[in-house]
Amino acid sequence: MDIGNKIKQLRTRQGLTLEELASRCELTKGFLSQLERNLTSPSITTLDDILEALGSSLSEFFAEDKDEQFTFKEDDFFVDERDGYTVNWIVPNTQKNLMEPILIELMQGGKSFEVEPHNGEEFGYVAEGMVTLVCDEKRYELKKGETFYLLGKSFHYLCNNRKKTAKVLWVSTPPLF
């Protein structure tokens, strides 16, 4: 671990100069400069003082940073083929996230899962074909390039009454698929 660089990143993220940090933790500007360039090493007590001045702790500082995955390829997707439709989870393990995007393919005559009322919001983008959004007793026809946005307070689902497969990017928050 590059202790000096990590301290410098914490300091600069907070917009502090070396002098300001030195004043906060009662160290010299020269010592902190050498520390950030890895020319010296701090004692545990000194490192703890520096981290406290930066609003951090030893446990946070030394916690393993897991490389968070930001991009996903088709091999990462989880596909579930159901009667009349296919669900592609296009971001893996979304149950831990605040939102869940899926790509749903509705075959001719296909109907998606029925979503019960919930606390949350949903957004959909019709990428191919046409679908009908059924929301309680109302029906809304949507074609390629059109979107829907709704609060989860109503019973709803999608259906495809056309001869061509439809694809919809569907995002919900919180995750519920």
N, C-alpha and C. Protein backbone atom coordinates (compact mmCIF):
# COMPACT_ATOMS: atom_id res chain seq x y z
N MET A 1 0.84 -1.19 0.00
CA MET A 1 0.00 0.00 0.00
C MET A 1 0.88 1.24 0.00
N ASP A 2 0.52 2.20 -0.82
CA ASP A 2 1.24 3.46 -0.92
C ASP A 2 0.63 4.44 0.08
N ILE A 3 1.12 4.41 1.32
CA ILE A 3 0.55 5.21 2.40
C ILE A 3 0.62 6.70 2.09
N GLY A 4 1.79 7.15 1.61
CA GLY A 4 1.95 8.58 1.33
C GLY A 4 0.96 9.08 0.29
N ASN A 5 0.81 8.36 -0.79
CA ASN A 5 -0.10 8.77 -1.85
C ASN A 5 -1.55 8.75 -1.37
N LYS A 6 -1.89 7.76 -0.55
CA LYS A 6 -3.26 7.66 -0.05
C LYS A 6 -3.58 8.85 0.87
N ILE A 7 -2.62 9.24 1.69
CA ILE A 7 -2.81 10.42 2.55
C ILE A 7 -2.97 11.67 1.70
N LYS A 8 -2.14 11.81 0.67
CA LYS A 8 -2.22 12.96 -0.22
C LYS A 8 -3.59 13.02 -0.90
N GLN A 9 -4.11 11.87 -1.35
CA GLN A 9 -5.43 11.83 -1.98
C GLN A 9 -6.52 12.28 -1.01
N LEU A 10 -6.45 11.80 0.23
CA LEU A 10 -7.43 12.22 1.24
C LEU A 10 -7.36 13.72 1.49
N ARG A 11 -6.13 14.23 1.58
CA ARG A 11 -5.94 15.67 1.84
C ARG A 11 -6.46 16.52 0.70
N THR A 12 -6.11 16.15 -0.53
CA THR A 12 -6.52 16.97 -1.68
C THR A 12 -8.02 16.87 -1.95
N ARG A 13 -8.63 15.72 -1.66
CA ARG A 13 -10.08 15.60 -1.81
C ARG A 13 -10.83 16.57 -0.90
N GLN A 14 -10.21 16.86 0.23
CA GLN A 14 -10.82 17.79 1.18
C GLN A 14 -10.40 19.23 0.93
N GLY A 15 -9.57 19.43 -0.08
CA GLY A 15 -9.15 20.78 -0.43
C GLY A 15 -8.21 21.41 0.58
N LEU A 16 -7.47 20.58 1.29
CA LEU A 16 -6.54 21.10 2.30
C LEU A 16 -5.14 21.23 1.72
N THR A 17 -4.44 22.27 2.14
CA THR A 17 -3.03 22.41 1.79
C THR A 17 -2.22 21.62 2.81
N LEU A 18 -0.94 21.41 2.50
CA LEU A 18 -0.06 20.75 3.46
C LEU A 18 0.00 21.53 4.77
N GLU A 19 0.04 22.85 4.63
CA GLU A 19 0.11 23.70 5.82
C GLU A 19 -1.13 23.56 6.69
N GLU A 20 -2.31 23.50 6.07
CA GLU A 20 -3.56 23.38 6.82
C GLU A 20 -3.62 22.03 7.55
N LEU A 21 -3.23 20.96 6.86
CA LEU A 21 -3.23 19.65 7.50
C LEU A 21 -2.19 19.61 8.62
N ALA A 22 -1.02 20.17 8.38
CA ALA A 22 0.02 20.20 9.41
C ALA A 22 -0.47 20.90 10.67
N SER A 23 -1.19 21.99 10.50
CA SER A 23 -1.74 22.73 11.63
C SER A 23 -2.78 21.90 12.39
N ARG A 24 -3.61 21.19 11.66
CA ARG A 24 -4.67 20.39 12.28
C ARG A 24 -4.11 19.23 13.12
N CYS A 25 -3.02 18.63 12.66
CA CYS A 25 -2.50 17.47 13.39
C CYS A 25 -1.19 17.76 14.11
N GLU A 26 -0.84 19.04 14.23
CA GLU A 26 0.33 19.50 14.97
C GLU A 26 1.62 18.82 14.53
N LEU A 27 1.80 18.79 13.20
CA LEU A 27 3.03 18.28 12.60
C LEU A 27 3.61 19.37 11.71
N THR A 28 4.81 19.15 11.21
CA THR A 28 5.39 20.16 10.32
C THR A 28 4.97 19.88 8.88
N LYS A 29 4.93 20.95 8.12
CA LYS A 29 4.61 20.86 6.70
C LYS A 29 5.66 19.99 5.99
N GLY A 30 6.92 20.13 6.39
CA GLY A 30 8.01 19.36 5.79
C GLY A 30 7.85 17.86 6.03
N PHE A 31 7.44 17.50 7.26
CA PHE A 31 7.25 16.08 7.57
C PHE A 31 6.14 15.51 6.70
N LEU A 32 5.02 16.22 6.59
CA LEU A 32 3.90 15.74 5.78
C LEU A 32 4.28 15.64 4.30
N SER A 33 5.09 16.59 3.82
CA SER A 33 5.54 16.54 2.44
C SER A 33 6.38 15.29 2.19
N GLN A 34 7.29 15.00 3.12
CA GLN A 34 8.11 13.80 2.99
C GLN A 34 7.26 12.54 3.09
N LEU A 35 6.28 12.57 3.96
CA LEU A 35 5.38 11.42 4.12
C LEU A 35 4.61 11.14 2.84
N GLU A 36 4.06 12.19 2.23
CA GLU A 36 3.28 12.03 0.99
C GLU A 36 4.15 11.54 -0.16
N ARG A 37 5.45 11.83 -0.11
CA ARG A 37 6.37 11.36 -1.16
C ARG A 37 7.06 10.06 -0.77
N ASN A 38 6.59 9.46 0.32
CA ASN A 38 7.12 8.18 0.83
C ASN A 38 8.62 8.24 1.15
N LEU A 39 9.07 9.40 1.62
CA LEU A 39 10.47 9.55 2.04
C LEU A 39 10.63 9.27 3.52
N THR A 40 9.50 9.19 4.23
CA THR A 40 9.50 8.85 5.65
C THR A 40 8.23 8.08 5.94
N SER A 41 8.23 7.40 7.09
CA SER A 41 7.05 6.65 7.49
C SER A 41 6.56 7.15 8.85
N PRO A 42 5.26 7.23 9.04
CA PRO A 42 4.74 7.70 10.33
C PRO A 42 4.63 6.55 11.33
N SER A 43 4.65 6.90 12.59
CA SER A 43 4.32 5.90 13.62
C SER A 43 2.80 5.68 13.54
N ILE A 44 2.32 4.64 14.17
CA ILE A 44 0.88 4.37 14.18
C ILE A 44 0.15 5.54 14.85
N THR A 45 0.70 6.06 15.92
CA THR A 45 0.06 7.18 16.63
C THR A 45 -0.01 8.41 15.73
N THR A 46 1.06 8.70 15.02
CA THR A 46 1.08 9.86 14.12
C THR A 46 0.11 9.66 12.97
N LEU A 47 0.10 8.46 12.39
CA LEU A 47 -0.84 8.17 11.31
C LEU A 47 -2.27 8.31 11.80
N ASP A 48 -2.55 7.83 12.98
CA ASP A 48 -3.89 7.95 13.57
C ASP A 48 -4.28 9.43 13.72
N ASP A 49 -3.34 10.26 14.17
CA ASP A 49 -3.60 11.71 14.31
C ASP A 49 -3.89 12.35 12.95
N ILE A 50 -3.11 11.99 11.94
CA ILE A 50 -3.30 12.54 10.59
C ILE A 50 -4.67 12.13 10.05
N LEU A 51 -5.00 10.86 10.21
CA LEU A 51 -6.29 10.38 9.70
C LEU A 51 -7.46 11.01 10.43
N GLU A 52 -7.32 11.21 11.73
CA GLU A 52 -8.38 11.88 12.50
C GLU A 52 -8.58 13.30 11.96
N ALA A 53 -7.48 13.98 11.66
CA ALA A 53 -7.58 15.34 11.11
C ALA A 53 -8.22 15.34 9.71
N LEU A 54 -8.12 14.19 9.01
CA LEU A 54 -8.72 14.07 7.68
C LEU A 54 -10.11 13.45 7.73
N GLY A 55 -10.61 13.21 8.95
CA GLY A 55 -11.96 12.65 9.10
C GLY A 55 -12.04 11.17 8.77
N SER A 56 -10.93 10.47 8.98
CA SER A 56 -10.90 9.04 8.68
C SER A 56 -10.38 8.29 9.91
N SER A 57 -10.18 7.00 9.76
CA SER A 57 -9.67 6.18 10.85
C SER A 57 -8.70 5.16 10.27
N LEU A 58 -7.97 4.51 11.17
CA LEU A 58 -7.03 3.48 10.73
C LEU A 58 -7.75 2.33 10.02
N SER A 59 -8.90 1.92 10.56
CA SER A 59 -9.62 0.80 9.94
C SER A 59 -10.11 1.16 8.54
N GLU A 60 -10.61 2.38 8.36
CA GLU A 60 -11.06 2.81 7.03
C GLU A 60 -9.87 2.92 6.08
N PHE A 61 -8.77 3.45 6.59
CA PHE A 61 -7.58 3.68 5.76
C PHE A 61 -7.01 2.37 5.23
N PHE A 62 -6.98 1.35 6.08
CA PHE A 62 -6.39 0.08 5.69
C PHE A 62 -7.40 -0.93 5.16
N ALA A 63 -8.65 -0.55 5.09
CA ALA A 63 -9.66 -1.45 4.54
C ALA A 63 -9.31 -1.75 3.09
N GLU A 64 -9.51 -2.99 2.71
CA GLU A 64 -9.23 -3.40 1.34
C GLU A 64 -10.22 -2.74 0.40
N ASP A 65 -9.72 -2.03 -0.57
CA ASP A 65 -10.57 -1.48 -1.62
C ASP A 65 -10.83 -2.58 -2.63
N LYS A 66 -12.07 -3.01 -2.70
CA LYS A 66 -12.41 -3.99 -3.72
C LYS A 66 -12.68 -3.24 -5.00
N ASP A 67 -12.07 -3.71 -6.05
CA ASP A 67 -12.30 -3.06 -7.34
C ASP A 67 -13.75 -3.24 -7.72
N GLU A 68 -14.47 -2.15 -7.71
CA GLU A 68 -15.88 -2.18 -8.06
C GLU A 68 -16.01 -2.24 -9.57
N GLN A 69 -16.85 -3.13 -10.03
CA GLN A 69 -17.03 -3.30 -11.47
C GLN A 69 -18.01 -2.23 -11.97
N PHE A 70 -17.60 -1.48 -12.98
CA PHE A 70 -18.41 -0.42 -13.54
C PHE A 70 -18.96 -0.76 -14.92
N THR A 71 -18.31 -1.68 -15.60
CA THR A 71 -18.76 -2.05 -16.94
C THR A 71 -19.04 -3.55 -16.97
N PHE A 72 -19.98 -3.92 -17.84
CA PHE A 72 -20.39 -5.31 -17.90
C PHE A 72 -20.52 -5.74 -19.36
N LYS A 73 -20.15 -6.97 -19.62
CA LYS A 73 -20.25 -7.54 -20.96
C LYS A 73 -21.34 -8.61 -20.93
N GLU A 74 -21.71 -9.07 -22.10
CA GLU A 74 -22.78 -10.05 -22.21
C GLU A 74 -22.51 -11.30 -21.36
N ASP A 75 -21.25 -11.67 -21.20
CA ASP A 75 -20.91 -12.83 -20.37
C ASP A 75 -21.27 -12.61 -18.90
N ASP A 76 -21.39 -11.35 -18.47
CA ASP A 76 -21.74 -11.04 -17.08
C ASP A 76 -23.24 -11.13 -16.83
N PHE A 77 -24.04 -11.09 -17.90
CA PHE A 77 -25.50 -11.05 -17.76
C PHE A 77 -26.03 -12.39 -17.26
N PHE A 78 -27.12 -12.33 -16.56
CA PHE A 78 -27.84 -13.53 -16.16
C PHE A 78 -29.15 -13.53 -16.94
N VAL A 79 -29.42 -14.60 -17.67
CA VAL A 79 -30.60 -14.68 -18.52
C VAL A 79 -31.56 -15.72 -17.96
N ASP A 80 -32.83 -15.33 -17.87
CA ASP A 80 -33.87 -16.24 -17.39
C ASP A 80 -34.98 -16.28 -18.43
N GLU A 81 -35.11 -17.41 -19.08
CA GLU A 81 -36.15 -17.56 -20.10
C GLU A 81 -37.41 -18.09 -19.44
N ARG A 82 -38.49 -17.37 -19.63
CA ARG A 82 -39.76 -17.75 -19.04
C ARG A 82 -40.80 -17.90 -20.15
N ASP A 83 -41.99 -18.30 -19.80
CA ASP A 83 -43.05 -18.50 -20.78
C ASP A 83 -43.49 -17.16 -21.36
N GLY A 84 -43.11 -16.89 -22.61
CA GLY A 84 -43.53 -15.67 -23.29
C GLY A 84 -42.58 -14.50 -23.19
N TYR A 85 -41.56 -14.62 -22.34
CA TYR A 85 -40.61 -13.51 -22.23
C TYR A 85 -39.29 -14.01 -21.66
N THR A 86 -38.27 -13.19 -21.89
CA THR A 86 -36.93 -13.46 -21.39
C THR A 86 -36.47 -12.25 -20.61
N VAL A 87 -35.87 -12.48 -19.45
CA VAL A 87 -35.32 -11.39 -18.64
C VAL A 87 -33.81 -11.50 -18.67
N ASN A 88 -33.14 -10.40 -19.01
CA ASN A 88 -31.68 -10.29 -18.99
C ASN A 88 -31.30 -9.33 -17.88
N TRP A 89 -30.69 -9.86 -16.83
CA TRP A 89 -30.17 -8.97 -15.79
C TRP A 89 -28.85 -8.45 -16.33
N ILE A 90 -28.84 -7.19 -16.73
CA ILE A 90 -27.70 -6.62 -17.44
C ILE A 90 -26.66 -6.00 -16.52
N VAL A 91 -26.97 -5.94 -15.23
CA VAL A 91 -26.00 -5.55 -14.21
C VAL A 91 -26.09 -6.62 -13.13
N PRO A 92 -25.04 -7.42 -12.95
CA PRO A 92 -25.10 -8.52 -11.99
C PRO A 92 -25.23 -8.04 -10.54
N ASN A 93 -25.83 -8.88 -9.73
CA ASN A 93 -25.94 -8.65 -8.28
C ASN A 93 -26.55 -7.31 -7.91
N THR A 94 -27.63 -6.93 -8.59
CA THR A 94 -28.22 -5.62 -8.34
C THR A 94 -29.01 -5.54 -7.05
N GLN A 95 -29.23 -6.65 -6.39
CA GLN A 95 -29.99 -6.61 -5.14
C GLN A 95 -29.31 -5.73 -4.09
N LYS A 96 -28.00 -5.52 -4.24
CA LYS A 96 -27.27 -4.66 -3.30
C LYS A 96 -27.30 -3.20 -3.72
N ASN A 97 -27.80 -2.91 -4.91
CA ASN A 97 -27.82 -1.55 -5.44
C ASN A 97 -29.15 -0.85 -5.16
N LEU A 98 -29.21 0.42 -5.47
CA LEU A 98 -30.43 1.18 -5.30
C LEU A 98 -31.40 1.00 -6.45
N MET A 99 -30.90 0.62 -7.62
CA MET A 99 -31.77 0.41 -8.76
C MET A 99 -31.36 -0.85 -9.49
N GLU A 100 -32.31 -1.37 -10.26
CA GLU A 100 -32.07 -2.62 -10.97
C GLU A 100 -32.51 -2.49 -12.42
N PRO A 101 -31.57 -2.47 -13.34
CA PRO A 101 -31.94 -2.44 -14.76
C PRO A 101 -32.01 -3.86 -15.32
N ILE A 102 -33.03 -4.12 -16.10
CA ILE A 102 -33.13 -5.38 -16.82
C ILE A 102 -33.48 -5.07 -18.26
N LEU A 103 -33.17 -6.01 -19.14
CA LEU A 103 -33.61 -5.94 -20.52
C LEU A 103 -34.60 -7.09 -20.68
N ILE A 104 -35.85 -6.75 -20.95
CA ILE A 104 -36.87 -7.77 -21.07
C ILE A 104 -37.27 -7.90 -22.54
N GLU A 105 -37.32 -9.13 -23.01
CA GLU A 105 -37.74 -9.43 -24.37
C GLU A 105 -39.10 -10.11 -24.29
N LEU A 106 -40.10 -9.50 -24.91
CA LEU A 106 -41.45 -10.06 -24.93
C LEU A 106 -41.73 -10.64 -26.30
N MET A 107 -41.96 -11.95 -26.34
CA MET A 107 -42.28 -12.59 -27.61
C MET A 107 -43.72 -12.24 -28.00
N GLN A 108 -44.12 -12.61 -29.20
CA GLN A 108 -45.49 -12.38 -29.66
C GLN A 108 -46.45 -12.99 -28.64
N GLY A 109 -47.38 -12.19 -28.16
CA GLY A 109 -48.35 -12.66 -27.19
C GLY A 109 -47.81 -12.77 -25.78
N GLY A 110 -46.55 -12.38 -25.58
CA GLY A 110 -45.92 -12.50 -24.26
C GLY A 110 -46.37 -11.44 -23.28
N LYS A 111 -46.30 -11.82 -22.02
CA LYS A 111 -46.68 -10.92 -20.93
C LYS A 111 -45.60 -11.02 -19.87
N SER A 112 -45.15 -9.88 -19.35
CA SER A 112 -44.11 -9.87 -18.32
C SER A 112 -44.70 -10.34 -17.00
N PHE A 113 -43.86 -10.45 -16.02
CA PHE A 113 -44.29 -10.70 -14.65
C PHE A 113 -45.19 -9.56 -14.20
N GLU A 114 -46.06 -9.83 -13.30
CA GLU A 114 -46.97 -8.81 -12.78
C GLU A 114 -46.33 -8.20 -11.54
N VAL A 115 -46.22 -6.90 -11.55
CA VAL A 115 -45.57 -6.20 -10.44
C VAL A 115 -46.64 -5.70 -9.48
N GLU A 116 -46.55 -6.17 -8.26
CA GLU A 116 -47.49 -5.75 -7.20
C GLU A 116 -47.13 -4.33 -6.76
N PRO A 117 -48.09 -3.60 -6.18
CA PRO A 117 -47.77 -2.27 -5.65
C PRO A 117 -46.60 -2.33 -4.66
N HIS A 118 -45.75 -1.36 -4.76
CA HIS A 118 -44.56 -1.29 -3.89
C HIS A 118 -44.14 0.15 -3.74
N ASN A 119 -43.26 0.39 -2.78
CA ASN A 119 -42.68 1.73 -2.62
C ASN A 119 -41.47 1.80 -3.53
N GLY A 120 -41.55 2.62 -4.54
CA GLY A 120 -40.44 2.74 -5.46
C GLY A 120 -40.89 3.38 -6.76
N GLU A 121 -39.98 3.39 -7.72
CA GLU A 121 -40.24 4.00 -9.01
C GLU A 121 -39.73 3.07 -10.10
N GLU A 122 -40.29 3.22 -11.31
CA GLU A 122 -39.85 2.41 -12.44
C GLU A 122 -39.80 3.26 -13.69
N PHE A 123 -38.84 2.90 -14.53
CA PHE A 123 -38.66 3.58 -15.81
C PHE A 123 -38.48 2.50 -16.87
N GLY A 124 -39.06 2.72 -18.03
CA GLY A 124 -38.88 1.79 -19.13
C GLY A 124 -38.65 2.52 -20.44
N TYR A 125 -37.83 1.92 -21.29
CA TYR A 125 -37.53 2.45 -22.62
C TYR A 125 -37.74 1.32 -23.62
N VAL A 126 -38.62 1.54 -24.59
CA VAL A 126 -38.88 0.53 -25.60
C VAL A 126 -37.78 0.62 -26.65
N ALA A 127 -36.91 -0.39 -26.67
CA ALA A 127 -35.77 -0.42 -27.59
C ALA A 127 -36.15 -1.02 -28.94
N GLU A 128 -37.10 -1.95 -28.94
CA GLU A 128 -37.55 -2.58 -30.19
C GLU A 128 -39.02 -2.94 -30.06
N GLY A 129 -39.74 -2.82 -31.16
CA GLY A 129 -41.13 -3.26 -31.21
C GLY A 129 -42.10 -2.32 -30.52
N MET A 130 -43.23 -2.91 -30.11
CA MET A 130 -44.29 -2.17 -29.41
C MET A 130 -44.76 -3.00 -28.23
N VAL A 131 -45.12 -2.33 -27.15
CA VAL A 131 -45.65 -3.01 -25.97
C VAL A 131 -46.85 -2.25 -25.43
N THR A 132 -47.60 -2.92 -24.61
CA THR A 132 -48.70 -2.29 -23.88
C THR A 132 -48.34 -2.33 -22.41
N LEU A 133 -48.36 -1.18 -21.79
CA LEU A 133 -48.17 -1.08 -20.34
C LEU A 133 -49.56 -1.12 -19.72
N VAL A 134 -49.81 -2.12 -18.91
CA VAL A 134 -51.09 -2.23 -18.21
C VAL A 134 -50.83 -1.80 -16.78
N CYS A 135 -51.51 -0.73 -16.39
CA CYS A 135 -51.31 -0.13 -15.07
C CYS A 135 -52.68 -0.05 -14.40
N ASP A 136 -52.93 -0.92 -13.42
CA ASP A 136 -54.26 -1.13 -12.86
C ASP A 136 -55.20 -1.48 -14.01
N GLU A 137 -56.20 -0.69 -14.28
CA GLU A 137 -57.15 -1.01 -15.36
C GLU A 137 -56.86 -0.25 -16.65
N LYS A 138 -55.84 0.62 -16.64
CA LYS A 138 -55.54 1.43 -17.83
C LYS A 138 -54.47 0.75 -18.68
N ARG A 139 -54.54 0.99 -19.99
CA ARG A 139 -53.59 0.42 -20.95
C ARG A 139 -52.95 1.57 -21.72
N TYR A 140 -51.62 1.48 -21.89
CA TYR A 140 -50.87 2.50 -22.60
C TYR A 140 -50.03 1.81 -23.67
N GLU A 141 -50.21 2.22 -24.93
CA GLU A 141 -49.45 1.66 -26.05
C GLU A 141 -48.15 2.44 -26.19
N LEU A 142 -47.05 1.72 -26.26
CA LEU A 142 -45.73 2.34 -26.40
C LEU A 142 -44.99 1.69 -27.56
N LYS A 143 -44.39 2.52 -28.40
CA LYS A 143 -43.62 1.99 -29.53
C LYS A 143 -42.14 2.30 -29.34
N LYS A 144 -41.32 1.76 -30.24
CA LYS A 144 -39.87 1.95 -30.19
C LYS A 144 -39.52 3.42 -29.97
N GLY A 145 -38.63 3.67 -29.01
CA GLY A 145 -38.17 5.03 -28.73
C GLY A 145 -38.99 5.74 -27.67
N GLU A 146 -40.11 5.16 -27.24
CA GLU A 146 -40.94 5.80 -26.22
C GLU A 146 -40.62 5.21 -24.85
N THR A 147 -41.00 5.94 -23.82
CA THR A 147 -40.65 5.57 -22.45
C THR A 147 -41.87 5.58 -21.54
N PHE A 148 -41.70 4.97 -20.38
CA PHE A 148 -42.69 5.11 -19.31
C PHE A 148 -41.95 5.36 -18.01
N TYR A 149 -42.62 6.04 -17.11
CA TYR A 149 -42.09 6.33 -15.78
C TYR A 149 -43.28 6.28 -14.84
N LEU A 150 -43.18 5.49 -13.79
CA LEU A 150 -44.31 5.39 -12.87
C LEU A 150 -43.85 5.13 -11.46
N LEU A 151 -44.68 5.53 -10.53
CA LEU A 151 -44.47 5.18 -9.14
C LEU A 151 -44.98 3.76 -8.98
N GLY A 152 -44.44 3.03 -8.06
CA GLY A 152 -44.81 1.63 -7.90
C GLY A 152 -46.11 1.40 -7.16
N LYS A 153 -46.93 2.41 -7.02
CA LYS A 153 -48.13 2.27 -6.19
C LYS A 153 -49.27 1.51 -6.85
N SER A 154 -49.10 1.13 -8.12
CA SER A 154 -50.17 0.42 -8.80
C SER A 154 -49.68 -0.95 -9.30
N PHE A 155 -50.63 -1.84 -9.51
CA PHE A 155 -50.37 -3.15 -10.10
C PHE A 155 -50.09 -2.91 -11.58
N HIS A 156 -49.01 -3.50 -12.14
CA HIS A 156 -48.70 -3.24 -13.55
C HIS A 156 -47.85 -4.36 -14.16
N TYR A 157 -47.87 -4.39 -15.49
CA TYR A 157 -47.08 -5.34 -16.26
C TYR A 157 -47.04 -4.88 -17.70
N LEU A 158 -46.20 -5.54 -18.50
CA LEU A 158 -46.09 -5.26 -19.93
C LEU A 158 -46.60 -6.46 -20.70
N CYS A 159 -47.18 -6.20 -21.88
CA CYS A 159 -47.54 -7.30 -22.77
C CYS A 159 -47.25 -6.88 -24.21
N ASN A 160 -47.10 -7.91 -25.06
CA ASN A 160 -46.80 -7.69 -26.46
C ASN A 160 -47.86 -8.40 -27.29
N ASN A 161 -48.74 -7.64 -27.91
CA ASN A 161 -49.81 -8.20 -28.74
C ASN A 161 -49.45 -8.15 -30.23
N ARG A 162 -48.20 -7.87 -30.54
CA ARG A 162 -47.75 -7.77 -31.92
C ARG A 162 -47.08 -9.07 -32.36
N LYS A 163 -46.77 -9.16 -33.64
CA LYS A 163 -46.13 -10.35 -34.19
C LYS A 163 -44.62 -10.33 -34.04
N LYS A 164 -44.07 -9.19 -33.69
CA LYS A 164 -42.62 -9.03 -33.58
C LYS A 164 -42.22 -8.97 -32.10
N THR A 165 -41.07 -9.57 -31.77
CA THR A 165 -40.54 -9.51 -30.41
C THR A 165 -40.25 -8.06 -30.03
N ALA A 166 -40.58 -7.71 -28.81
CA ALA A 166 -40.31 -6.36 -28.30
C ALA A 166 -39.24 -6.46 -27.23
N LYS A 167 -38.40 -5.41 -27.15
CA LYS A 167 -37.37 -5.34 -26.12
C LYS A 167 -37.54 -4.03 -25.35
N VAL A 168 -37.51 -4.15 -24.03
CA VAL A 168 -37.69 -2.98 -23.17
C VAL A 168 -36.60 -2.97 -22.11
N LEU A 169 -35.91 -1.83 -22.01
CA LEU A 169 -34.99 -1.61 -20.90
C LEU A 169 -35.85 -1.13 -19.74
N TRP A 170 -35.87 -1.88 -18.65
CA TRP A 170 -36.76 -1.60 -17.53
C TRP A 170 -35.90 -1.41 -16.28
N VAL A 171 -36.02 -0.27 -15.63
CA VAL A 171 -35.22 0.04 -14.44
C VAL A 171 -36.16 0.27 -13.28
N SER A 172 -35.90 -0.41 -12.18
CA SER A 172 -36.73 -0.22 -10.99
C SER A 172 -35.87 0.17 -9.81
N THR A 173 -36.47 0.91 -8.92
CA THR A 173 -35.83 1.24 -7.66
C THR A 173 -36.89 1.18 -6.57
N PRO A 174 -36.67 0.44 -5.53
CA PRO A 174 -35.54 -0.45 -5.30
C PRO A 174 -35.63 -1.68 -6.20
N PRO A 175 -34.58 -2.50 -6.22
CA PRO A 175 -34.63 -3.71 -7.06
C PRO A 175 -35.78 -4.61 -6.65
N LEU A 176 -36.50 -5.13 -7.64
CA LEU A 176 -37.60 -6.05 -7.32
C LEU A 176 -37.74 -7.21 -8.26
N PHE A 177 -36.92 -7.27 -9.26
CA PHE A 177 -37.03 -8.40 -10.19
C PHE A 177 -36.21 -9.52 -9.64
